Amino acid sequence: MEVKIRQMSHDVGVVLPAALGLTVGDRYERHQMDNTLVLTPVHQELFANPADWVGFRDSIS
């Protein structure tokens, strides 16, 4: 898929098609390998909030 670099205020950016299923506010890390840019989603720590897991063990046993 080809995209175009655009001027956005004092920065530059890329507009990504809605078909990718991205949501405003999603966070991505940018990696650069030679002349290739790679975006990978930032996932929150799975066990960061212990309250999310209350009752989980009982629900699967």
PDB file of N, CA and C in Angstrom:
ATOM      1  N   MET A   1       0.850  -1.162   0.000  1.00  0.00           N
ATOM      2  CA  MET A   1       0.000   0.000   0.000  1.00  0.00           C
ATOM      3  C   MET A   1       0.902   1.234   0.000  1.00  0.00           C
ATOM      4  N   GLU A   2       0.628   2.136  -0.862  1.00  0.00           N
ATOM      5  CA  GLU A   2       1.413   3.361  -0.941  1.00  0.00           C
ATOM      6  C   GLU A   2       0.689   4.462  -0.187  1.00  0.00           C
ATOM      7  N   VAL A   3       1.426   5.202   0.632  1.00  0.00           N
ATOM      8  CA  VAL A   3       0.881   6.363   1.336  1.00  0.00           C
ATOM      9  C   VAL A   3       1.793   7.549   1.058  1.00  0.00           C
ATOM     10  N   LYS A   4       1.280   8.734   1.326  1.00  0.00           N
ATOM     11  CA  LYS A   4       2.026   9.950   1.016  1.00  0.00           C
ATOM     12  C   LYS A   4       2.357  10.690   2.316  1.00  0.00           C
ATOM     13  N   ILE A   5       3.588  11.161   2.440  1.00  0.00           N
ATOM     14  CA  ILE A   5       3.990  11.982   3.576  1.00  0.00           C
ATOM     15  C   ILE A   5       3.335  13.353   3.405  1.00  0.00           C
ATOM     16  N   ARG A   6       2.705  13.844   4.481  1.00  0.00           N
ATOM     17  CA  ARG A   6       2.012  15.133   4.422  1.00  0.00           C
ATOM     18  C   ARG A   6       2.525  16.060   5.516  1.00  0.00           C
ATOM     19  N   GLN A   7       2.424  17.348   5.257  1.00  0.00           N
ATOM     20  CA  GLN A   7       2.764  18.351   6.262  1.00  0.00           C
ATOM     21  C   GLN A   7       1.620  18.426   7.268  1.00  0.00           C
ATOM     22  N   MET A   8       1.933  18.345   8.556  1.00  0.00           N
ATOM     23  CA  MET A   8       0.935  18.443   9.619  1.00  0.00           C
ATOM     24  C   MET A   8       1.475  19.417  10.655  1.00  0.00           C
ATOM     25  N   SER A   9       1.056  20.666  10.542  1.00  0.00           N
ATOM     26  CA  SER A   9       1.557  21.730  11.409  1.00  0.00           C
ATOM     27  C   SER A   9       3.071  21.835  11.231  1.00  0.00           C
ATOM     28  N   HIS A  10       3.844  21.632  12.305  1.00  0.00           N
ATOM     29  CA  HIS A  10       5.303  21.726  12.203  1.00  0.00           C
ATOM     30  C   HIS A  10       5.946  20.357  12.028  1.00  0.00           C
ATOM     31  N   ASP A  11       5.137  19.315  11.868  1.00  0.00           N
ATOM     32  CA  ASP A  11       5.626  17.948  11.713  1.00  0.00           C
ATOM     33  C   ASP A  11       5.201  17.413  10.359  1.00  0.00           C
ATOM     34  N   VAL A  12       5.598  16.189  10.078  1.00  0.00           N
ATOM     35  CA  VAL A  12       5.097  15.477   8.908  1.00  0.00           C
ATOM     36  C   VAL A  12       4.421  14.208   9.401  1.00  0.00           C
ATOM     37  N   GLY A  13       3.493  13.692   8.617  1.00  0.00           N
ATOM     38  CA  GLY A  13       2.778  12.495   9.031  1.00  0.00           C
ATOM     39  C   GLY A  13       2.256  11.731   7.835  1.00  0.00           C
ATOM     40  N   VAL A  14       1.637  10.610   8.138  1.00  0.00           N
ATOM     41  CA  VAL A  14       1.064   9.735   7.122  1.00  0.00           C
ATOM     42  C   VAL A  14      -0.387   9.480   7.497  1.00  0.00           C
ATOM     43  N   VAL A  15      -1.287   9.585   6.537  1.00  0.00           N
ATOM     44  CA  VAL A  15      -2.687   9.245   6.757  1.00  0.00           C
ATOM     45  C   VAL A  15      -2.856   7.784   6.370  1.00  0.00           C
ATOM     46  N   LEU A  16      -3.359   6.973   7.311  1.00  0.00           N
ATOM     47  CA  LEU A  16      -3.537   5.542   7.068  1.00  0.00           C
ATOM     48  C   LEU A  16      -5.006   5.252   6.786  1.00  0.00           C
ATOM     49  N   PRO A  17      -5.304   4.372   5.848  1.00  0.00           N
ATOM     50  CA  PRO A  17      -6.685   4.066   5.477  1.00  0.00           C
ATOM     51  C   PRO A  17      -7.475   3.452   6.636  1.00  0.00           C
ATOM     52  N   ALA A  18      -8.750   3.817   6.735  1.00  0.00           N
ATOM     53  CA  ALA A  18      -9.635   3.283   7.775  1.00  0.00           C
ATOM     54  C   ALA A  18      -9.755   1.768   7.678  1.00  0.00           C
ATOM     55  N   ALA A  19      -9.545   1.217   6.491  1.00  0.00           N
ATOM     56  CA  ALA A  19      -9.655  -0.232   6.294  1.00  0.00           C
ATOM     57  C   ALA A  19      -8.669  -1.013   7.161  1.00  0.00           C
ATOM     58  N   LEU A  20      -7.643  -0.344   7.689  1.00  0.00           N
ATOM     59  CA  LEU A  20      -6.689  -1.025   8.564  1.00  0.00           C
ATOM     60  C   LEU A  20      -7.278  -1.298   9.943  1.00  0.00           C
ATOM     61  N   GLY A  21      -8.422  -0.681  10.251  1.00  0.00           N
ATOM     62  CA  GLY A  21      -9.085  -0.937  11.526  1.00  0.00           C
ATOM     63  C   GLY A  21      -8.417  -0.266  12.714  1.00  0.00           C
ATOM     64  N   LEU A  22      -7.698   0.806  12.487  1.00  0.00           N
ATOM     65  CA  LEU A  22      -7.027   1.514  13.572  1.00  0.00           C
ATOM     66  C   LEU A  22      -8.015   2.442  14.267  1.00  0.00           C
ATOM     67  N   THR A  23      -7.747   2.756  15.520  1.00  0.00           N
ATOM     68  CA  THR A  23      -8.603   3.636  16.303  1.00  0.00           C
ATOM     69  C   THR A  23      -7.787   4.839  16.752  1.00  0.00           C
ATOM     70  N   VAL A  24      -8.407   6.013  16.708  1.00  0.00           N
ATOM     71  CA  VAL A  24      -7.729   7.213  17.193  1.00  0.00           C
ATOM     72  C   VAL A  24      -7.311   6.980  18.638  1.00  0.00           C
ATOM     73  N   GLY A  25      -6.076   7.255  18.943  1.00  0.00           N
ATOM     74  CA  GLY A  25      -5.560   7.052  20.295  1.00  0.00           C
ATOM     75  C   GLY A  25      -4.770   5.765  20.454  1.00  0.00           C
ATOM     76  N   ASP A  26      -4.873   4.840  19.488  1.00  0.00           N
ATOM     77  CA  ASP A  26      -4.045   3.629  19.540  1.00  0.00           C
ATOM     78  C   ASP A  26      -2.584   4.051  19.591  1.00  0.00           C
ATOM     79  N   ARG A  27      -1.795   3.283  20.316  1.00  0.00           N
ATOM     80  CA  ARG A  27      -0.377   3.619  20.454  1.00  0.00           C
ATOM     81  C   ARG A  27       0.478   2.585  19.728  1.00  0.00           C
ATOM     82  N   TYR A  28       1.487   3.082  19.032  1.00  0.00           N
ATOM     83  CA  TYR A  28       2.401   2.229  18.275  1.00  0.00           C
ATOM     84  C   TYR A  28       3.831   2.661  18.535  1.00  0.00           C
ATOM     85  N   GLU A  29       4.733   1.700  18.513  1.00  0.00           N
ATOM     86  CA  GLU A  29       6.158   1.999  18.565  1.00  0.00           C
ATOM     87  C   GLU A  29       6.682   1.994  17.139  1.00  0.00           C
ATOM     88  N   ARG A  30       7.574   2.940  16.865  1.00  0.00           N
ATOM     89  CA  ARG A  30       8.172   3.019  15.540  1.00  0.00           C
ATOM     90  C   ARG A  30       9.566   2.415  15.597  1.00  0.00           C
ATOM     91  N   HIS A  31       9.824   1.526  14.666  1.00  0.00           N
ATOM     92  CA  HIS A  31      11.142   0.912  14.531  1.00  0.00           C
ATOM     93  C   HIS A  31      11.636   1.225  13.127  1.00  0.00           C
ATOM     94  N   GLN A  32      12.924   1.445  13.003  1.00  0.00           N
ATOM     95  CA  GLN A  32      13.487   1.704  11.682  1.00  0.00           C
ATOM     96  C   GLN A  32      14.578   0.692  11.398  1.00  0.00           C
ATOM     97  N   MET A  33      14.450   0.030  10.254  1.00  0.00           N
ATOM     98  CA  MET A  33      15.443  -0.928   9.793  1.00  0.00           C
ATOM     99  C   MET A  33      15.911  -0.465   8.422  1.00  0.00           C
ATOM    100  N   ASP A  34      17.096   0.101   8.387  1.00  0.00           N
ATOM    101  CA  ASP A  34      17.620   0.721   7.171  1.00  0.00           C
ATOM    102  C   ASP A  34      16.632   1.784   6.703  1.00  0.00           C
ATOM    103  N   ASN A  35      16.047   1.627   5.529  1.00  0.00           N
ATOM    104  CA  ASN A  35      15.102   2.631   5.033  1.00  0.00           C
ATOM    105  C   ASN A  35      13.650   2.179   5.174  1.00  0.00           C
ATOM    106  N   THR A  36      13.390   1.218   6.063  1.00  0.00           N
ATOM    107  CA  THR A  36      12.044   0.694   6.272  1.00  0.00           C
ATOM    108  C   THR A  36      11.543   1.081   7.656  1.00  0.00           C
ATOM    109  N   LEU A  37      10.338   1.647   7.717  1.00  0.00           N
ATOM    110  CA  LEU A  37       9.703   1.972   8.992  1.00  0.00           C
ATOM    111  C   LEU A  37       8.697   0.880   9.327  1.00  0.00           C
ATOM    112  N   VAL A  38       8.702   0.441  10.571  1.00  0.00           N
ATOM    113  CA  VAL A  38       7.781  -0.599  11.031  1.00  0.00           C
ATOM    114  C   VAL A  38       7.058  -0.071  12.258  1.00  0.00           C
ATOM    115  N   LEU A  39       5.728  -0.176  12.276  1.00  0.00           N
ATOM    116  CA  LEU A  39       4.931   0.208  13.440  1.00  0.00           C
ATOM    117  C   LEU A  39       4.432  -1.051  14.122  1.00  0.00           C
ATOM    118  N   THR A  40       4.644  -1.143  15.438  1.00  0.00           N
ATOM    119  CA  THR A  40       4.136  -2.287  16.198  1.00  0.00           C
ATOM    120  C   THR A  40       3.263  -1.759  17.325  1.00  0.00           C
ATOM    121  N   PRO A  41       2.114  -2.410  17.566  1.00  0.00           N
ATOM    122  CA  PRO A  41       1.214  -1.926  18.610  1.00  0.00           C
ATOM    123  C   PRO A  41       1.856  -2.014  19.990  1.00  0.00           C
ATOM    124  N   VAL A  42       1.544  -1.029  20.825  1.00  0.00           N
ATOM    125  CA  VAL A  42       1.991  -1.032  22.217  1.00  0.00           C
ATOM    126  C   VAL A  42       0.893  -1.709  23.023  1.00  0.00           C
ATOM    127  N   HIS A  43       1.239  -2.790  23.702  1.00  0.00           N
ATOM    128  CA  HIS A  43       0.276  -3.507  24.536  1.00  0.00           C
ATOM    129  C   HIS A  43       0.554  -3.172  25.985  1.00  0.00           C
ATOM    130  N   GLN A  44      -0.513  -2.895  26.728  1.00  0.00           N
ATOM    131  CA  GLN A  44      -0.300  -2.639  28.151  1.00  0.00           C
ATOM    132  C   GLN A  44       0.079  -3.939  28.829  1.00  0.00           C
ATOM    133  N   GLU A  45       0.766  -3.834  29.923  1.00  0.00           N
ATOM    134  CA  GLU A  45       1.191  -5.000  30.689  1.00  0.00           C
ATOM    135  C   GLU A  45      -0.046  -5.805  31.092  1.00  0.00           C
ATOM    136  N   LEU A  46      -0.083  -7.075  30.726  1.00  0.00           N
ATOM    137  CA  LEU A  46      -1.234  -7.941  30.955  1.00  0.00           C
ATOM    138  C   LEU A  46      -1.633  -8.008  32.420  1.00  0.00           C
ATOM    139  N   PHE A  47      -0.669  -8.022  33.321  1.00  0.00           N
ATOM    140  CA  PHE A  47      -0.966  -8.183  34.744  1.00  0.00           C
ATOM    141  C   PHE A  47      -0.827  -6.874  35.518  1.00  0.00           C
ATOM    142  N   ALA A  48      -0.909  -5.740  34.845  1.00  0.00           N
ATOM    143  CA  ALA A  48      -0.698  -4.446  35.490  1.00  0.00           C
ATOM    144  C   ALA A  48      -1.761  -4.135  36.540  1.00  0.00           C
ATOM    145  N   ASN A  49      -2.985  -4.597  36.340  1.00  0.00           N
ATOM    146  CA  ASN A  49      -4.071  -4.293  37.267  1.00  0.00           C
ATOM    147  C   ASN A  49      -4.610  -5.595  37.855  1.00  0.00           C
ATOM    148  N   PRO A  50      -4.177  -5.976  39.057  1.00  0.00           N
ATOM    149  CA  PRO A  50      -4.610  -7.237  39.667  1.00  0.00           C
ATOM    150  C   PRO A  50      -6.129  -7.349  39.804  1.00  0.00           C
ATOM    151  N   ALA A  51      -6.817  -6.225  39.931  1.00  0.00           N
ATOM    152  CA  ALA A  51      -8.277  -6.263  40.077  1.00  0.00           C
ATOM    153  C   ALA A  51      -8.950  -6.863  38.843  1.00  0.00           C
ATOM    154  N   ASP A  52      -8.306  -6.772  37.684  1.00  0.00           N
ATOM    155  CA  ASP A  52      -8.873  -7.351  36.458  1.00  0.00           C
ATOM    156  C   ASP A  52      -8.949  -8.872  36.535  1.00  0.00           C
ATOM    157  N   TRP A  53      -8.179  -9.471  37.423  1.00  0.00           N
ATOM    158  CA  TRP A  53      -8.073 -10.924  37.489  1.00  0.00           C
ATOM    159  C   TRP A  53      -8.865 -11.540  38.644  1.00  0.00           C
ATOM    160  N   VAL A  54      -9.518 -10.707  39.452  1.00  0.00           N
ATOM    161  CA  VAL A  54     -10.299 -11.225  40.579  1.00  0.00           C
ATOM    162  C   VAL A  54     -11.399 -12.130  40.035  1.00  0.00           C
ATOM    163  N   GLY A  55     -11.464 -13.349  40.525  1.00  0.00           N
ATOM    164  CA  GLY A  55     -12.485 -14.305  40.111  1.00  0.00           C
ATOM    165  C   GLY A  55     -12.153 -15.084  38.857  1.00  0.00           C
ATOM    166  N   PHE A  56     -11.063 -14.775  38.202  1.00  0.00           N
ATOM    167  CA  PHE A  56     -10.728 -15.459  36.955  1.00  0.00           C
ATOM    168  C   PHE A  56     -10.502 -16.948  37.174  1.00  0.00           C
ATOM    169  N   ARG A  57      -9.728 -17.296  38.190  1.00  0.00           N
ATOM    170  CA  ARG A  57      -9.434 -18.710  38.451  1.00  0.00           C
ATOM    171  C   ARG A  57     -10.727 -19.497  38.658  1.00  0.00           C
ATOM    172  N   ASP A  58     -11.658 -18.940  39.430  1.00  0.00           N
ATOM    173  CA  ASP A  58     -12.934 -19.627  39.669  1.00  0.00           C
ATOM    174  C   ASP A  58     -13.748 -19.763  38.386  1.00  0.00           C
ATOM    175  N   SER A  59     -13.614 -18.800  37.480  1.00  0.00           N
ATOM    176  CA  SER A  59     -14.418 -18.834  36.259  1.00  0.00           C
ATOM    177  C   SER A  59     -13.961 -19.910  35.282  1.00  0.00           C
ATOM    178  N   ILE A  60     -12.743 -20.415  35.432  1.00  0.00           N
ATOM    179  CA  ILE A  60     -12.254 -21.424  34.488  1.00  0.00           C
ATOM    180  C   ILE A  60     -12.118 -22.805  35.112  1.00  0.00           C
ATOM    181  N   SER A  61     -12.499 -22.938  36.374  1.00  0.00           N
ATOM    182  CA  SER A  61     -12.364 -24.260  37.000  1.00  0.00           C
ATOM    183  C   SER A  61     -13.707 -24.843  37.352  1.00  0.00           C
TER     184      SER A  61
END
